[in-house]
């Protein structure tokens, strides 16, 4: 009897989570920090593994060209599984995000730009929302893998940002595999 009650409770919990996830959510506009009147153009970049990709670096450089800019890169601390996320087993995710954060700073500084960076929430959209409360961005760049390999595109990260964030948003697709294939190997 106890097993049947436990099974029914787990089944009900699973159905509840599935129903809640299938409902979606009401769209809401993300609150933006108030920009100081200092004449700087502020660019918020959200990237994970694609932080050093040539397409992303080129887009950042183009957006900053000829302007006094402030650039903030957010690297979400992504867990490998939902179980890790639910159990708050995030140590490995935080260490990996910190490594990517450091790589992003080096890559962007290598093209002559000043940048600061932070590790963000595991949900890229929550990371964006949180950053925009503190950083008065003028535009947002979201970098993903190509559609066939991007979990962010599969989860609708870019579409949700376009719906919820009242800023110009540029989506940059970085194909790291193609970039590696194009790079000649040292002999």
Foldseek 3Di string as FASTA:
>chain_A
DVVVVVVVVVVVVVVVVVVVVVVDDDAAAQDAADDDPPQEAEEEEEEEPCLQFPQVLVVVCVVCPPGRYEYEYEYELADPDVVCVVVVVRPVSVVRSVVVQVVNQVNNVVVPDHYHYDYAHNQSLVRVSVVRNPTRHQEYEYEAEPPVPGPCVVVPVVVSCVRHYPHHYHYTHGHVVVVVVPDDDDD
